[in-house]
Every structure is written in C-alpha cells, then in structure tokens.
Amino acid sequence: MLKIGINGFGRIGRYLLRVIHDRNLDVEVVAINARASIEMYAHLLKYDSVHGKFPGIIEINGDNLIVDGKKIKMTRVTDDLSKIPWGELGVDIVMETTGKFRDKESCLKHLEAGAKKVIISAPGKGVDATIVMGVNEEVYDPKNHHIISNASCTTNCLAPVVKVLHEAFKVKKGFMTTVHSYTMDQRLLDGSHKKDFRRARAAAMSMVPTTTGAAIAVGKVIPELEGKLDGVSIRVPTPDVSIIDLVVKVKKDTTIEEVNEAFKKAAEGKLKGILAYTEEPLVSADYIGDPHSAIVDGKLTNVIDENFVKVFAWYDNEAGFAHRMMDLALYIAERM
C-alpha cells in the first residue's frame, strides 16, 4: 500500500482525500502537516462550498484526523520541513501542496525528513522532472528523479490538447488564453498583492487579466514545442472550473471535422481518463468535479484557411489536477 503525507491542506490537499475516497484507492494518508487547527481542517474537509459535503465520515481523536475510520496524524511544523516526522510515519511520497515550497532546495527537506519522493502541486524550479500524465510520464527515472513537479492545472489541461494536435497536424506555434476561475492568490476585496496590481483587486467583481506560465511550460513536457507557445490568463468571478482557448498554426492542412475526430480518437484511446470530448452545450458549472485534465468542447472547434486551428477545452482546475497528482503518485509508487 502506498503511504503518502500531505504538506499543506488547502484546496488541492483536501481534494486529494476526495480522490482517494471516490476511487477507493489502495492509498493511506498517514500524515498531514498544516498550519491551522485540526478542528478547522476537519470542518473544511467535511463542508466544501464548491464540491459539497465530503461523502465519508470525518472525526477527531486527539491530534489525529479520522477519515472513514482511518487515522491521519496531524502535525504543525512550519519553520523547518526537515522536522516533519515523515520517516517515523513511513511516508513514501510527500504531496507538497502549500504552493509555497516550489523549488528543489526547499523540497529536499522532505527527503531529509525521511520521505522517499516529493510531488509538487505547482510548476517547480530546479526540480528533477516536470511530468504531465498522458503526455510525458515515460521520462520518469526512479534512480534520479526524487523531486517532481506535477506542473499546473492549466498545463495539465493544455499539454494533452497540444499533444493531440501536434501528433495529428504538427503544431508550428500557438497562443492560449485561459479563462480561469479565481483562486486563493487573489483578494476577496481590494488589498495589496506581493507582485500583481490586478490580482490585488476584488476577485468577484471583475475580470482580471494576469500572467500564466502554463503555455511556456508545455515546452518542458513536449520538447519539440519549446518556445513555440505562450499565453495569458483572465481570472473571472467563478469559484471553480476554467476553459482554455487555444489557437495554433499547423503544418498539415485540416478541417474542423478532422480536428474533432483526432480528439475523439484520443479520448477513447491512449488518453482515456485524461482527455475527454463532448459536443453537449454545457457551461462551466456542469464540469465541477470532473476528473479529466481536459474536456474538449467540439462545438467550439474552428479552422480558418485549413491551417489555423482554434480549440476550447474545459477543466475543473481543482478536481482534475488533484486526480492527475494522485495518478502521478501511483505511477511513481509502481516503480519504487
């Protein structure tokens, strides 16, 4: 059985427990390290404004969180990650979900504490590997890759879509806009932000243009396209679910029908469970809780002059990402 520890118990950290419960995985969460009280986290896990009430039983016993009868040790180490008792608790993989510790140097502390591997829930700096499931997991090297980035939710949506287009029609270059639900990195009301004047504004009142490295990061998992893609993010007043608007120029002439057929084939084949295809006229709320990394909206596909392609793909930026993070952990565990 895979034993994991979670550092940080925010949106992604808590959703990982839902993934384990919903998929009935043979995974044990043995410890969670986070700053707030156990009472607060039990409450936030049980009641979620976006995803609804947790479908299992949640209890507290001392400094242990009991989920579906299974004990999870809660710790509150904030000053030095090497002091978290991962080794004592037999943790195989640490899911680093704080959003704060994104570089290899910081995450090496988890290994010093006794963990075998670390998966970061964000783009990483200086990490051993960046892996997007369905796109480049085959590059994983158990002997040399110990600090692994799961990239971002948007890269997890974009990369499989680009992979399909590139394999079928050869992408020359492209630009992406993600219309993205607001996140914890924005402000409920106007207030200072560490670097972004726009994200300092009230998230629920405006569309907020901001930066994203998601498109550039595709080059890390599809090396042929390094430097060929870029993008921007527009944060909008919804709490969850986002959509990418991707425009690419391709080498091989094509049609709307051929583009959609390529996605249908991928969704039913090698990318099944990661990429989906639909022609239903749905809206963002319909995709809350969807476990796929990307759901291509075939009704919105367009092609101009046979080589200028526009594709839209939905993604639950919380659920889909958490599912892939768990898939990556299981993939690594099979090779430990």
Protein backbone atom coordinates (compact mmCIF):
# COMPACT_ATOMS: atom_id res chain seq x y z
CA MET A 1 0.00 0.00 0.00
CA LEU A 2 1.24 3.45 -0.91
CA LYS A 3 1.69 5.72 2.10
CA ILE A 4 1.56 9.44 1.46
CA GLY A 5 1.99 12.58 3.51
CA ILE A 6 0.41 15.90 2.59
CA ASN A 7 2.14 19.20 3.30
CA GLY A 8 -0.43 21.97 3.17
CA PHE A 9 -4.13 21.23 3.46
CA GLY A 10 -5.75 23.78 1.17
CA ARG A 11 -7.88 23.30 -1.93
CA ILE A 12 -5.71 20.64 -3.58
CA GLY A 13 -4.59 18.97 -0.36
CA ARG A 14 -8.17 18.42 0.77
CA TYR A 15 -9.34 17.29 -2.65
CA LEU A 16 -6.71 14.55 -2.66
CA LEU A 17 -8.66 12.88 0.15
CA ARG A 18 -11.79 13.03 -2.00
CA VAL A 19 -9.89 11.38 -4.85
CA ILE A 20 -8.79 8.53 -2.59
CA HIS A 21 -12.33 8.10 -1.24
CA ASP A 22 -14.15 8.38 -4.58
CA ARG A 23 -11.82 5.97 -6.39
CA ASN A 24 -11.44 3.62 -3.41
CA LEU A 25 -7.68 3.67 -3.88
CA ASP A 26 -5.25 1.47 -2.00
CA VAL A 27 -3.54 4.58 -0.63
CA GLU A 28 -3.07 5.55 3.00
CA VAL A 29 -2.67 9.17 4.03
CA VAL A 30 -0.60 8.72 7.17
CA ALA A 31 0.09 12.36 7.98
CA ILE A 32 -0.88 15.92 7.11
CA ASN A 33 1.30 18.88 8.01
CA ALA A 34 -0.54 22.20 8.01
CA ARG A 35 -0.72 25.43 9.98
CA ALA A 36 -4.29 25.70 11.26
CA SER A 37 -6.07 23.69 13.96
CA ILE A 38 -7.28 20.14 13.44
CA GLU A 39 -10.82 21.35 14.18
CA MET A 40 -10.62 23.87 11.35
CA TYR A 41 -9.35 21.33 8.85
CA ALA A 42 -11.93 18.72 9.84
CA HIS A 43 -14.65 21.30 9.22
CA LEU A 44 -13.21 22.46 5.87
CA LEU A 45 -12.81 18.88 4.70
CA LYS A 46 -16.37 17.98 5.67
CA TYR A 47 -18.06 21.05 4.20
CA ASP A 48 -16.92 22.47 0.86
CA SER A 49 -18.67 25.40 -0.80
CA VAL A 50 -17.75 24.19 -4.29
CA HIS A 51 -17.69 20.40 -4.11
CA GLY A 52 -20.29 19.81 -1.42
CA LYS A 53 -20.19 17.70 1.71
CA PHE A 54 -17.44 15.09 1.98
CA PRO A 55 -19.02 11.69 1.20
CA GLY A 56 -17.26 9.89 4.06
CA ILE A 57 -17.12 10.04 7.85
CA ILE A 58 -14.80 12.60 9.47
CA GLU A 59 -13.88 12.55 13.17
CA ILE A 60 -11.20 13.89 15.50
CA ASN A 61 -9.26 11.88 18.08
CA GLY A 62 -6.60 13.96 19.83
CA ASP A 63 -4.14 15.12 17.19
CA ASN A 64 -5.42 12.58 14.69
CA LEU A 65 -7.94 13.21 11.94
CA ILE A 66 -10.07 10.11 11.39
CA VAL A 67 -11.39 9.77 7.83
CA ASP A 68 -13.57 6.75 7.06
CA GLY A 69 -12.14 5.08 10.16
CA LYS A 70 -8.52 5.59 9.10
CA LYS A 71 -6.19 7.60 11.33
CA ILE A 72 -4.22 10.53 9.90
CA LYS A 73 -1.57 12.17 12.08
CA MET A 74 -1.84 15.98 12.06
CA THR A 75 1.34 18.00 12.59
CA ARG A 76 2.02 21.75 12.57
CA VAL A 77 5.69 22.12 11.62
CA THR A 78 6.12 25.49 9.91
CA ASP A 79 9.73 26.54 10.46
CA ASP A 80 11.77 23.61 9.11
CA LEU A 81 10.31 20.97 6.79
CA SER A 82 13.05 18.52 7.79
CA LYS A 83 11.42 18.30 11.23
CA ILE A 84 8.18 16.81 9.89
CA PRO A 85 8.22 13.14 11.01
CA TRP A 86 7.72 11.61 7.57
CA GLY A 87 10.31 8.90 8.17
CA GLU A 88 8.88 7.85 11.54
CA LEU A 89 5.45 7.52 9.94
CA GLY A 90 6.67 5.51 6.96
CA VAL A 91 5.74 8.06 4.30
CA ASP A 92 6.69 7.04 0.76
CA ILE A 93 5.65 10.16 -1.14
CA VAL A 94 5.02 13.70 0.10
CA MET A 95 2.39 15.69 -1.75
CA GLU A 96 3.71 19.24 -1.45
CA THR A 97 0.53 21.31 -1.85
CA THR A 98 1.28 24.50 0.08
CA GLY A 99 2.01 26.47 -3.09
CA LYS A 100 4.88 27.98 -1.13
CA PHE A 101 7.63 25.36 -1.48
CA ARG A 102 8.11 25.03 -5.23
CA ASP A 103 11.87 24.69 -5.60
CA LYS A 104 14.13 21.69 -5.27
CA GLU A 105 16.17 23.15 -2.41
CA SER A 106 13.11 23.61 -0.21
CA CYS A 107 11.64 20.22 -1.05
CA LEU A 108 14.87 18.36 -0.31
CA LYS A 109 13.93 18.97 3.33
CA HIS A 110 11.12 16.44 2.90
CA LEU A 111 13.69 13.84 1.87
CA GLU A 112 15.84 14.75 4.87
CA ALA A 113 12.75 14.12 7.00
CA GLY A 114 12.52 10.58 5.67
CA ALA A 115 10.24 10.72 2.63
CA LYS A 116 11.33 8.87 -0.50
CA LYS A 117 9.83 11.16 -3.15
CA VAL A 118 8.14 14.57 -3.38
CA ILE A 119 5.48 15.70 -5.84
CA ILE A 120 4.91 19.46 -6.06
CA SER A 121 1.41 20.71 -6.93
CA ALA A 122 2.78 23.61 -8.98
CA PRO A 123 5.44 24.43 -11.57
CA GLY A 124 8.79 23.72 -9.95
CA LYS A 125 12.16 25.46 -10.01
CA GLY A 126 15.25 23.31 -10.42
CA VAL A 127 13.24 20.11 -9.94
CA ASP A 128 14.38 16.72 -11.15
CA ALA A 129 11.45 16.38 -13.57
CA THR A 130 8.21 18.01 -14.64
CA ILE A 131 5.61 15.40 -15.52
CA VAL A 132 2.15 15.74 -17.04
CA MET A 133 0.27 12.46 -17.04
CA GLY A 134 -0.73 11.34 -20.51
CA VAL A 135 2.00 13.45 -22.08
CA ASN A 136 5.48 12.58 -20.79
CA GLU A 137 5.31 10.26 -17.78
CA GLU A 138 7.64 7.85 -19.58
CA VAL A 139 10.57 10.20 -18.83
CA TYR A 140 10.37 9.36 -15.11
CA ASP A 141 13.63 7.86 -13.86
CA PRO A 142 13.28 6.29 -10.39
CA LYS A 143 17.02 6.49 -9.71
CA ASN A 144 17.43 10.17 -10.48
CA HIS A 145 14.02 11.81 -10.10
CA HIS A 146 13.12 12.49 -6.47
CA ILE A 147 11.61 15.99 -6.55
CA ILE A 148 8.94 16.02 -9.26
CA SER A 149 6.63 18.82 -10.36
CA ASN A 150 3.09 17.98 -11.47
CA ALA A 151 3.09 21.31 -13.38
CA SER A 152 -0.03 23.49 -13.09
CA CYS A 153 -3.72 22.78 -13.57
CA THR A 154 -3.68 24.76 -16.80
CA THR A 155 -0.61 22.97 -18.18
CA ASN A 156 -2.31 19.67 -17.36
CA CYS A 157 -5.25 20.78 -19.49
CA LEU A 158 -3.25 22.35 -22.29
CA ALA A 159 -0.49 19.77 -22.78
CA PRO A 160 -2.72 16.78 -23.71
CA VAL A 161 -4.67 19.01 -26.12
CA VAL A 162 -1.47 20.24 -27.76
CA LYS A 163 -0.10 16.69 -27.86
CA VAL A 164 -3.09 15.50 -29.90
CA LEU A 165 -2.86 18.45 -32.30
CA HIS A 166 0.90 18.09 -32.69
CA GLU A 167 0.81 14.37 -33.37
CA ALA A 168 -2.01 14.72 -35.91
CA PHE A 169 -1.20 18.01 -37.65
CA LYS A 170 2.22 19.26 -36.42
CA VAL A 171 1.90 22.47 -34.42
CA LYS A 172 4.12 25.31 -35.64
CA LYS A 173 3.24 27.89 -32.98
CA GLY A 174 0.32 28.98 -30.88
CA PHE A 175 -1.21 31.18 -28.23
CA MET A 176 -3.51 30.26 -25.36
CA THR A 177 -5.91 32.23 -23.21
CA THR A 178 -7.22 30.54 -20.09
CA VAL A 179 -10.47 31.95 -18.76
CA HIS A 180 -9.75 30.89 -15.20
CA SER A 181 -11.82 30.84 -12.03
CA TYR A 182 -10.44 32.98 -9.24
CA THR A 183 -8.06 31.36 -6.76
CA MET A 184 -6.63 31.89 -3.29
CA ASP A 185 -3.90 34.03 -4.84
CA GLN A 186 -6.44 36.81 -5.36
CA ARG A 187 -8.19 39.14 -2.95
CA LEU A 188 -11.80 38.97 -1.77
CA LEU A 189 -11.78 42.76 -1.54
CA ASP A 190 -9.16 45.21 -2.81
CA GLY A 191 -5.91 44.69 -0.93
CA SER A 192 -2.19 44.52 -1.54
CA HIS A 193 -0.67 41.69 -3.56
CA LYS A 194 3.01 40.77 -3.44
CA LYS A 195 3.58 41.46 -7.15
CA ASP A 196 0.40 41.89 -9.22
CA PHE A 197 -1.64 45.10 -9.18
CA ARG A 198 -4.57 43.39 -10.91
CA ARG A 199 -4.72 40.40 -8.58
CA ALA A 200 -4.84 42.94 -5.74
CA ARG A 201 -8.38 43.84 -6.84
CA ALA A 202 -11.64 42.22 -5.66
CA ALA A 203 -11.79 38.82 -7.37
CA ALA A 204 -15.58 38.50 -7.50
CA MET A 205 -16.16 41.93 -9.06
CA SER A 206 -14.01 41.97 -12.20
CA MET A 207 -12.39 40.01 -14.95
CA VAL A 208 -8.71 40.11 -14.00
CA PRO A 209 -6.02 39.73 -16.68
CA THR A 210 -2.83 38.21 -15.33
CA THR A 211 0.16 36.13 -16.32
CA THR A 212 0.45 32.38 -16.71
CA GLY A 213 3.44 30.21 -17.46
CA ALA A 214 1.23 27.29 -18.50
CA ALA A 215 1.79 27.58 -22.24
CA ILE A 216 5.53 28.08 -21.97
CA ALA A 217 5.68 25.07 -19.62
CA VAL A 218 4.33 22.82 -22.38
CA GLY A 219 7.83 23.00 -23.85
CA LYS A 220 9.11 21.20 -20.76
CA VAL A 221 6.91 18.17 -21.42
CA ILE A 222 6.83 18.35 -25.24
CA PRO A 223 10.41 19.48 -26.04
CA GLU A 224 9.71 19.90 -29.78
CA LEU A 225 7.43 22.82 -28.91
CA GLU A 226 9.77 24.68 -26.57
CA GLY A 227 9.50 28.40 -27.31
CA LYS A 228 6.57 27.87 -29.69
CA LEU A 229 3.69 28.58 -27.29
CA ASP A 230 2.72 31.39 -24.95
CA GLY A 231 -0.39 32.51 -23.15
CA VAL A 232 -2.29 34.75 -20.78
CA SER A 233 -4.87 34.21 -18.04
CA ILE A 234 -8.13 36.06 -17.48
CA ARG A 235 -9.39 35.39 -13.96
CA VAL A 236 -13.19 35.54 -13.79
CA PRO A 237 -15.77 35.66 -10.95
CA THR A 238 -16.45 31.93 -10.67
CA PRO A 239 -15.08 29.74 -7.84
CA ASP A 240 -14.10 26.69 -9.90
CA VAL A 241 -13.76 25.34 -13.46
CA SER A 242 -11.82 27.07 -16.22
CA ILE A 243 -11.53 26.86 -20.00
CA ILE A 244 -8.58 27.20 -22.36
CA ASP A 245 -8.94 28.97 -25.71
CA LEU A 246 -6.07 27.68 -27.84
CA VAL A 247 -5.16 28.96 -31.29
CA VAL A 248 -2.39 27.22 -33.23
CA LYS A 249 -0.95 27.28 -36.70
CA VAL A 250 -0.34 23.76 -38.01
CA LYS A 251 1.80 22.40 -40.85
CA LYS A 252 -0.74 19.88 -42.15
CA ASP A 253 -3.92 21.25 -43.71
CA THR A 254 -7.04 20.11 -41.89
CA THR A 255 -10.75 20.66 -41.25
CA ILE A 256 -12.99 21.08 -38.22
CA GLU A 257 -14.18 17.50 -38.67
CA GLU A 258 -10.64 16.11 -38.78
CA VAL A 259 -9.59 18.06 -35.69
CA ASN A 260 -12.57 16.82 -33.70
CA GLU A 261 -12.04 13.27 -34.92
CA ALA A 262 -8.46 13.38 -33.63
CA PHE A 263 -9.72 14.35 -30.18
CA LYS A 264 -12.47 11.72 -30.21
CA LYS A 265 -9.92 9.05 -31.06
CA ALA A 266 -7.53 10.19 -28.31
CA ALA A 267 -10.34 10.38 -25.73
CA GLU A 268 -11.38 6.81 -26.50
CA GLY A 269 -7.82 5.53 -26.73
CA LYS A 270 -4.45 6.41 -25.23
CA LEU A 271 -5.71 9.50 -23.36
CA LYS A 272 -8.87 7.91 -21.98
CA GLY A 273 -9.48 9.18 -18.44
CA ILE A 274 -7.22 12.18 -19.01
CA LEU A 275 -8.78 13.89 -22.03
CA ALA A 276 -12.50 13.80 -22.85
CA TYR A 277 -14.53 15.04 -25.80
CA THR A 278 -18.06 16.42 -25.81
CA GLU A 279 -20.49 18.17 -28.11
CA GLU A 280 -23.06 18.87 -25.39
CA PRO A 281 -23.86 22.59 -24.98
CA LEU A 282 -22.66 22.80 -21.38
CA VAL A 283 -21.40 25.62 -19.13
CA SER A 284 -18.68 25.78 -16.50
CA ALA A 285 -20.88 24.70 -13.57
CA ASP A 286 -21.53 21.39 -15.34
CA TYR A 287 -17.87 20.45 -15.06
CA ILE A 288 -17.45 20.85 -11.30
CA GLY A 289 -15.88 17.63 -10.03
CA ASP A 290 -14.94 16.33 -13.48
CA PRO A 291 -11.80 14.18 -13.09
CA HIS A 292 -10.39 14.78 -16.58
CA SER A 293 -7.46 17.08 -17.24
CA ALA A 294 -9.20 18.46 -20.33
CA ILE A 295 -12.66 18.18 -21.87
CA VAL A 296 -12.55 19.35 -25.48
CA ASP A 297 -15.72 21.22 -26.49
CA GLY A 298 -16.19 20.05 -30.08
CA LYS A 299 -18.97 22.53 -30.82
CA LEU A 300 -16.46 25.38 -30.44
CA THR A 301 -13.70 23.97 -32.67
CA ASN A 302 -12.89 26.15 -35.68
CA VAL A 303 -10.46 26.16 -38.59
CA ILE A 304 -9.53 29.03 -40.94
CA ASP A 305 -7.54 28.62 -44.17
CA GLU A 306 -7.03 24.94 -43.37
CA ASN A 307 -4.05 25.52 -41.06
CA PHE A 308 -5.25 27.98 -38.41
CA VAL A 309 -6.94 25.95 -35.67
CA LYS A 310 -8.94 27.07 -32.63
CA VAL A 311 -9.81 24.63 -29.84
CA PHE A 312 -11.56 25.07 -26.49
CA ALA A 313 -11.14 22.69 -23.55
CA TRP A 314 -12.79 22.82 -20.12
CA TYR A 315 -11.15 21.73 -16.88
CA ASP A 316 -12.01 21.64 -13.21
CA ASN A 317 -8.82 23.34 -12.06
CA GLU A 318 -9.12 21.68 -8.64
CA ALA A 319 -10.56 18.21 -9.24
CA GLY A 320 -8.81 17.39 -12.49
CA PHE A 321 -5.44 18.48 -11.17
CA ALA A 322 -5.84 16.53 -7.91
CA HIS A 323 -6.73 13.38 -9.85
CA ARG A 324 -3.61 13.71 -12.00
CA MET A 325 -1.44 14.38 -8.97
CA MET A 326 -2.70 11.15 -7.44
CA ASP A 327 -2.21 9.31 -10.74
CA LEU A 328 1.39 10.52 -10.79
CA ALA A 329 1.92 9.31 -7.22
CA LEU A 330 0.57 5.87 -8.15
CA TYR A 331 2.75 5.79 -11.27
CA ILE A 332 5.85 6.60 -9.21
CA ALA A 333 4.91 4.10 -6.48
CA GLU A 334 4.74 1.28 -9.03
CA ARG A 335 8.37 1.99 -9.89
CA MET A 336 9.81 2.49 -6.40
